[in-house]
Amino acid sequence: MIQVLKLYKENIKYIENSFKYDINNGVIEGTNNLIKCIKRIAFGYRKYEHFVARIFLIKGIIKE
């Protein structure tokens, strides 16, 4: 219990900021996860450009 209170005291300003500001890195984490999934599913692209095009297609950045 003492360790928990010590950790809380050391990080109180960060905890308060998480409630105060509505900013997070969820979108970036989701994009990274998407890229990793594409790499696993479509292993062995012959060209890097094809891999990048696949990412853009799935994210909806470019159209077919």
PDB file of N, CA and C in Angstrom:
ATOM      1  N   MET A   1       0.824  -1.193   0.000  1.00  0.00           N
ATOM      2  CA  MET A   1       0.000   0.000   0.000  1.00  0.00           C
ATOM      3  C   MET A   1       0.866   1.254   0.000  1.00  0.00           C
ATOM      4  N   ILE A   2       1.958   1.203   0.697  1.00  0.00           N
ATOM      5  CA  ILE A   2       2.860   2.362   0.771  1.00  0.00           C
ATOM      6  C   ILE A   2       3.469   2.643  -0.599  1.00  0.00           C
ATOM      7  N   GLN A   3       3.804   1.585  -1.334  1.00  0.00           N
ATOM      8  CA  GLN A   3       4.367   1.768  -2.671  1.00  0.00           C
ATOM      9  C   GLN A   3       3.353   2.426  -3.604  1.00  0.00           C
ATOM     10  N   VAL A   4       2.094   2.051  -3.475  1.00  0.00           N
ATOM     11  CA  VAL A   4       1.053   2.625  -4.319  1.00  0.00           C
ATOM     12  C   VAL A   4       0.907   4.112  -4.039  1.00  0.00           C
ATOM     13  N   LEU A   5       0.889   4.486  -2.775  1.00  0.00           N
ATOM     14  CA  LEU A   5       0.765   5.900  -2.412  1.00  0.00           C
ATOM     15  C   LEU A   5       1.974   6.702  -2.881  1.00  0.00           C
ATOM     16  N   LYS A   6       3.153   6.116  -2.770  1.00  0.00           N
ATOM     17  CA  LYS A   6       4.372   6.787  -3.226  1.00  0.00           C
ATOM     18  C   LYS A   6       4.321   7.002  -4.747  1.00  0.00           C
ATOM     19  N   LEU A   7       3.902   5.979  -5.473  1.00  0.00           N
ATOM     20  CA  LEU A   7       3.775   6.082  -6.926  1.00  0.00           C
ATOM     21  C   LEU A   7       2.749   7.152  -7.292  1.00  0.00           C
ATOM     22  N   TYR A   8       1.646   7.181  -6.578  1.00  0.00           N
ATOM     23  CA  TYR A   8       0.603   8.180  -6.813  1.00  0.00           C
ATOM     24  C   TYR A   8       1.140   9.584  -6.576  1.00  0.00           C
ATOM     25  N   LYS A   9       1.854   9.801  -5.499  1.00  0.00           N
ATOM     26  CA  LYS A   9       2.423  11.129  -5.192  1.00  0.00           C
ATOM     27  C   LYS A   9       3.417  11.572  -6.264  1.00  0.00           C
ATOM     28  N   GLU A  10       4.238  10.651  -6.721  1.00  0.00           N
ATOM     29  CA  GLU A  10       5.251  10.993  -7.723  1.00  0.00           C
ATOM     30  C   GLU A  10       4.632  11.348  -9.075  1.00  0.00           C
ATOM     31  N   ASN A  11       3.455  10.813  -9.365  1.00  0.00           N
ATOM     32  CA  ASN A  11       2.855  10.988 -10.685  1.00  0.00           C
ATOM     33  C   ASN A  11       1.553  11.770 -10.672  1.00  0.00           C
ATOM     34  N   ILE A  12       1.275  12.491  -9.603  1.00  0.00           N
ATOM     35  CA  ILE A  12       0.000  13.188  -9.468  1.00  0.00           C
ATOM     36  C   ILE A  12      -0.224  14.209 -10.579  1.00  0.00           C
ATOM     37  N   LYS A  13       0.823  14.926 -11.005  1.00  0.00           N
ATOM     38  CA  LYS A  13       0.619  15.938 -12.049  1.00  0.00           C
ATOM     39  C   LYS A  13       0.250  15.292 -13.389  1.00  0.00           C
ATOM     40  N   TYR A  14       0.806  14.106 -13.669  1.00  0.00           N
ATOM     41  CA  TYR A  14       0.476  13.413 -14.912  1.00  0.00           C
ATOM     42  C   TYR A  14      -0.946  12.861 -14.870  1.00  0.00           C
ATOM     43  N   ILE A  15      -1.349  12.386 -13.717  1.00  0.00           N
ATOM     44  CA  ILE A  15      -2.708  11.879 -13.550  1.00  0.00           C
ATOM     45  C   ILE A  15      -3.715  13.007 -13.718  1.00  0.00           C
ATOM     46  N   GLU A  16      -3.434  14.160 -13.124  1.00  0.00           N
ATOM     47  CA  GLU A  16      -4.318  15.316 -13.265  1.00  0.00           C
ATOM     48  C   GLU A  16      -4.403  15.778 -14.717  1.00  0.00           C
ATOM     49  N   ASN A  17      -3.280  15.778 -15.412  1.00  0.00           N
ATOM     50  CA  ASN A  17      -3.266  16.190 -16.816  1.00  0.00           C
ATOM     51  C   ASN A  17      -4.090  15.250 -17.687  1.00  0.00           C
ATOM     52  N   SER A  18      -4.106  13.965 -17.346  1.00  0.00           N
ATOM     53  CA  SER A  18      -4.881  13.021 -18.150  1.00  0.00           C
ATOM     54  C   SER A  18      -6.380  13.308 -18.054  1.00  0.00           C
ATOM     55  N   PHE A  19      -6.831  13.859 -16.927  1.00  0.00           N
ATOM     56  CA  PHE A  19      -8.235  14.238 -16.792  1.00  0.00           C
ATOM     57  C   PHE A  19      -8.503  15.626 -17.365  1.00  0.00           C
ATOM     58  N   LYS A  20      -7.497  16.482 -17.305  1.00  0.00           N
ATOM     59  CA  LYS A  20      -7.662  17.876 -17.726  1.00  0.00           C
ATOM     60  C   LYS A  20      -7.691  18.022 -19.244  1.00  0.00           C
ATOM     61  N   TYR A  21      -6.817  17.286 -19.939  1.00  0.00           N
ATOM     62  CA  TYR A  21      -6.698  17.401 -21.389  1.00  0.00           C
ATOM     63  C   TYR A  21      -7.218  16.138 -22.059  1.00  0.00           C
ATOM     64  N   ASP A  22      -7.889  16.320 -23.182  1.00  0.00           N
ATOM     65  CA  ASP A  22      -8.444  15.189 -23.911  1.00  0.00           C
ATOM     66  C   ASP A  22      -7.546  14.820 -25.088  1.00  0.00           C
ATOM     67  N   ILE A  23      -6.297  14.558 -24.795  1.00  0.00           N
ATOM     68  CA  ILE A  23      -5.316  14.219 -25.824  1.00  0.00           C
ATOM     69  C   ILE A  23      -4.754  12.830 -25.502  1.00  0.00           C
ATOM     70  N   ASN A  24      -4.680  11.963 -26.505  1.00  0.00           N
ATOM     71  CA  ASN A  24      -4.063  10.661 -26.306  1.00  0.00           C
ATOM     72  C   ASN A  24      -3.443  10.196 -27.621  1.00  0.00           C
ATOM     73  N   ASN A  25      -2.765   9.093 -27.567  1.00  0.00           N
ATOM     74  CA  ASN A  25      -2.088   8.582 -28.764  1.00  0.00           C
ATOM     75  C   ASN A  25      -2.797   7.354 -29.327  1.00  0.00           C
ATOM     76  N   GLY A  26      -4.088   7.237 -29.099  1.00  0.00           N
ATOM     77  CA  GLY A  26      -4.851   6.086 -29.556  1.00  0.00           C
ATOM     78  C   GLY A  26      -4.855   5.907 -31.059  1.00  0.00           C
ATOM     79  N   VAL A  27      -4.952   7.003 -31.802  1.00  0.00           N
ATOM     80  CA  VAL A  27      -4.980   6.913 -33.265  1.00  0.00           C
ATOM     81  C   VAL A  27      -3.650   6.373 -33.789  1.00  0.00           C
ATOM     82  N   ILE A  28      -2.563   6.850 -33.238  1.00  0.00           N
ATOM     83  CA  ILE A  28      -1.243   6.392 -33.675  1.00  0.00           C
ATOM     84  C   ILE A  28      -1.041   4.926 -33.323  1.00  0.00           C
ATOM     85  N   GLU A  29      -1.451   4.533 -32.120  1.00  0.00           N
ATOM     86  CA  GLU A  29      -1.329   3.132 -31.724  1.00  0.00           C
ATOM     87  C   GLU A  29      -2.168   2.236 -32.628  1.00  0.00           C
ATOM     88  N   GLY A  30      -3.349   2.698 -32.990  1.00  0.00           N
ATOM     89  CA  GLY A  30      -4.197   1.924 -33.890  1.00  0.00           C
ATOM     90  C   GLY A  30      -3.578   1.761 -35.262  1.00  0.00           C
ATOM     91  N   THR A  31      -2.959   2.826 -35.771  1.00  0.00           N
ATOM     92  CA  THR A  31      -2.294   2.758 -37.071  1.00  0.00           C
ATOM     93  C   THR A  31      -1.111   1.801 -37.021  1.00  0.00           C
ATOM     94  N   ASN A  32      -0.339   1.867 -35.946  1.00  0.00           N
ATOM     95  CA  ASN A  32       0.791   0.937 -35.806  1.00  0.00           C
ATOM     96  C   ASN A  32       0.306  -0.504 -35.763  1.00  0.00           C
ATOM     97  N   ASN A  33      -0.775  -0.758 -35.055  1.00  0.00           N
ATOM     98  CA  ASN A  33      -1.322  -2.106 -34.986  1.00  0.00           C
ATOM     99  C   ASN A  33      -1.802  -2.566 -36.358  1.00  0.00           C
ATOM    100  N   LEU A  34      -2.445  -1.675 -37.105  1.00  0.00           N
ATOM    101  CA  LEU A  34      -2.899  -2.002 -38.458  1.00  0.00           C
ATOM    102  C   LEU A  34      -1.723  -2.393 -39.343  1.00  0.00           C
ATOM    103  N   ILE A  35      -0.653  -1.634 -39.299  1.00  0.00           N
ATOM    104  CA  ILE A  35       0.528  -1.924 -40.120  1.00  0.00           C
ATOM    105  C   ILE A  35       1.115  -3.277 -39.740  1.00  0.00           C
ATOM    106  N   LYS A  36       1.190  -3.574 -38.453  1.00  0.00           N
ATOM    107  CA  LYS A  36       1.715  -4.866 -38.029  1.00  0.00           C
ATOM    108  C   LYS A  36       0.839  -6.016 -38.514  1.00  0.00           C
ATOM    109  N   CYS A  37      -0.474  -5.816 -38.466  1.00  0.00           N
ATOM    110  CA  CYS A  37      -1.393  -6.855 -38.955  1.00  0.00           C
ATOM    111  C   CYS A  37      -1.227  -7.076 -40.456  1.00  0.00           C
ATOM    112  N   ILE A  38      -1.090  -6.001 -41.217  1.00  0.00           N
ATOM    113  CA  ILE A  38      -0.884  -6.124 -42.664  1.00  0.00           C
ATOM    114  C   ILE A  38       0.416  -6.867 -42.940  1.00  0.00           C
ATOM    115  N   LYS A  39       1.454  -6.573 -42.184  1.00  0.00           N
ATOM    116  CA  LYS A  39       2.730  -7.266 -42.369  1.00  0.00           C
ATOM    117  C   LYS A  39       2.588  -8.757 -42.119  1.00  0.00           C
ATOM    118  N   ARG A  40       1.826  -9.132 -41.093  1.00  0.00           N
ATOM    119  CA  ARG A  40       1.643 -10.550 -40.782  1.00  0.00           C
ATOM    120  C   ARG A  40       0.811 -11.263 -41.843  1.00  0.00           C
ATOM    121  N   ILE A  41      -0.269 -10.616 -42.269  1.00  0.00           N
ATOM    122  CA  ILE A  41      -1.183 -11.242 -43.224  1.00  0.00           C
ATOM    123  C   ILE A  41      -0.544 -11.364 -44.603  1.00  0.00           C
ATOM    124  N   ALA A  42       0.072 -10.297 -45.065  1.00  0.00           N
ATOM    125  CA  ALA A  42       0.587 -10.247 -46.433  1.00  0.00           C
ATOM    126  C   ALA A  42       2.106 -10.305 -46.432  1.00  0.00           C
ATOM    127  N   PHE A  43       2.650 -11.313 -45.806  1.00  0.00           N
ATOM    128  CA  PHE A  43       4.097 -11.455 -45.728  1.00  0.00           C
ATOM    129  C   PHE A  43       4.669 -11.710 -47.114  1.00  0.00           C
ATOM    130  N   GLY A  44       5.721 -10.975 -47.471  1.00  0.00           N
ATOM    131  CA  GLY A  44       6.433 -11.248 -48.700  1.00  0.00           C
ATOM    132  C   GLY A  44       6.078 -10.362 -49.869  1.00  0.00           C
ATOM    133  N   TYR A  45       5.726  -9.113 -49.628  1.00  0.00           N
ATOM    134  CA  TYR A  45       5.527  -8.209 -50.756  1.00  0.00           C
ATOM    135  C   TYR A  45       6.841  -8.082 -51.522  1.00  0.00           C
ATOM    136  N   ARG A  46       6.750  -8.066 -52.843  1.00  0.00           N
ATOM    137  CA  ARG A  46       7.970  -7.962 -53.643  1.00  0.00           C
ATOM    138  C   ARG A  46       8.553  -6.556 -53.614  1.00  0.00           C
ATOM    139  N   LYS A  47       7.684  -5.561 -53.512  1.00  0.00           N
ATOM    140  CA  LYS A  47       8.146  -4.177 -53.507  1.00  0.00           C
ATOM    141  C   LYS A  47       7.583  -3.454 -52.291  1.00  0.00           C
ATOM    142  N   TYR A  48       8.406  -2.616 -51.719  1.00  0.00           N
ATOM    143  CA  TYR A  48       7.990  -1.825 -50.557  1.00  0.00           C
ATOM    144  C   TYR A  48       6.827  -0.900 -50.918  1.00  0.00           C
ATOM    145  N   GLU A  49       6.824  -0.399 -52.151  1.00  0.00           N
ATOM    146  CA  GLU A  49       5.771   0.505 -52.603  1.00  0.00           C
ATOM    147  C   GLU A  49       4.394  -0.178 -52.552  1.00  0.00           C
ATOM    148  N   HIS A  50       4.357  -1.475 -52.850  1.00  0.00           N
ATOM    149  CA  HIS A  50       3.095  -2.214 -52.785  1.00  0.00           C
ATOM    150  C   HIS A  50       2.599  -2.310 -51.336  1.00  0.00           C
ATOM    151  N   PHE A  51       3.513  -2.503 -50.426  1.00  0.00           N
ATOM    152  CA  PHE A  51       3.178  -2.572 -49.006  1.00  0.00           C
ATOM    153  C   PHE A  51       2.594  -1.246 -48.528  1.00  0.00           C
ATOM    154  N   VAL A  52       3.238  -0.154 -48.908  1.00  0.00           N
ATOM    155  CA  VAL A  52       2.766   1.180 -48.522  1.00  0.00           C
ATOM    156  C   VAL A  52       1.410   1.463 -49.155  1.00  0.00           C
ATOM    157  N   ALA A  53       1.240   1.081 -50.404  1.00  0.00           N
ATOM    158  CA  ALA A  53      -0.043   1.280 -51.083  1.00  0.00           C
ATOM    159  C   ALA A  53      -1.151   0.513 -50.370  1.00  0.00           C
ATOM    160  N   ARG A  54      -0.856  -0.685 -49.911  1.00  0.00           N
ATOM    161  CA  ARG A  54      -1.847  -1.493 -49.180  1.00  0.00           C
ATOM    162  C   ARG A  54      -2.263  -0.791 -47.884  1.00  0.00           C
ATOM    163  N   ILE A  55      -1.310  -0.226 -47.177  1.00  0.00           N
ATOM    164  CA  ILE A  55      -1.617   0.509 -45.943  1.00  0.00           C
ATOM    165  C   ILE A  55      -2.518   1.697 -46.248  1.00  0.00           C
ATOM    166  N   PHE A  56      -2.165   2.472 -47.261  1.00  0.00           N
ATOM    167  CA  PHE A  56      -2.970   3.643 -47.628  1.00  0.00           C
ATOM    168  C   PHE A  56      -4.376   3.239 -48.059  1.00  0.00           C
ATOM    169  N   LEU A  57      -4.478   2.129 -48.799  1.00  0.00           N
ATOM    170  CA  LEU A  57      -5.784   1.651 -49.248  1.00  0.00           C
ATOM    171  C   LEU A  57      -6.671   1.279 -48.063  1.00  0.00           C
ATOM    172  N   ILE A  58      -6.138   0.539 -47.122  1.00  0.00           N
ATOM    173  CA  ILE A  58      -6.922   0.092 -45.980  1.00  0.00           C
ATOM    174  C   ILE A  58      -7.294   1.269 -45.074  1.00  0.00           C
ATOM    175  N   LYS A  59      -6.387   2.211 -44.911  1.00  0.00           N
ATOM    176  CA  LYS A  59      -6.672   3.390 -44.083  1.00  0.00           C
ATOM    177  C   LYS A  59      -7.631   4.356 -44.760  1.00  0.00           C
ATOM    178  N   GLY A  60      -7.843   4.190 -46.065  1.00  0.00           N
ATOM    179  CA  GLY A  60      -8.754   5.070 -46.787  1.00  0.00           C
ATOM    180  C   GLY A  60      -8.121   6.369 -47.239  1.00  0.00           C
ATOM    181  N   ILE A  61      -6.806   6.430 -47.242  1.00  0.00           N
ATOM    182  CA  ILE A  61      -6.094   7.629 -47.654  1.00  0.00           C
ATOM    183  C   ILE A  61      -6.139   7.787 -49.161  1.00  0.00           C
ATOM    184  N   ILE A  62      -6.047   6.659 -49.887  1.00  0.00           N
ATOM    185  CA  ILE A  62      -6.192   6.679 -51.339  1.00  0.00           C
ATOM    186  C   ILE A  62      -7.326   5.744 -51.725  1.00  0.00           C
ATOM    187  N   LYS A  63      -7.898   5.993 -52.881  1.00  0.00           N
ATOM    188  CA  LYS A  63      -8.977   5.152 -53.381  1.00  0.00           C
ATOM    189  C   LYS A  63      -8.435   4.225 -54.459  1.00  0.00           C
ATOM    190  N   GLU A  64      -9.155   3.154 -54.754  1.00  0.00           N
ATOM    191  CA  GLU A  64      -8.722   2.188 -55.761  1.00  0.00           C
ATOM    192  C   GLU A  64      -8.668   2.822 -57.128  1.00  0.00           C
TER     193      GLU A  64
END
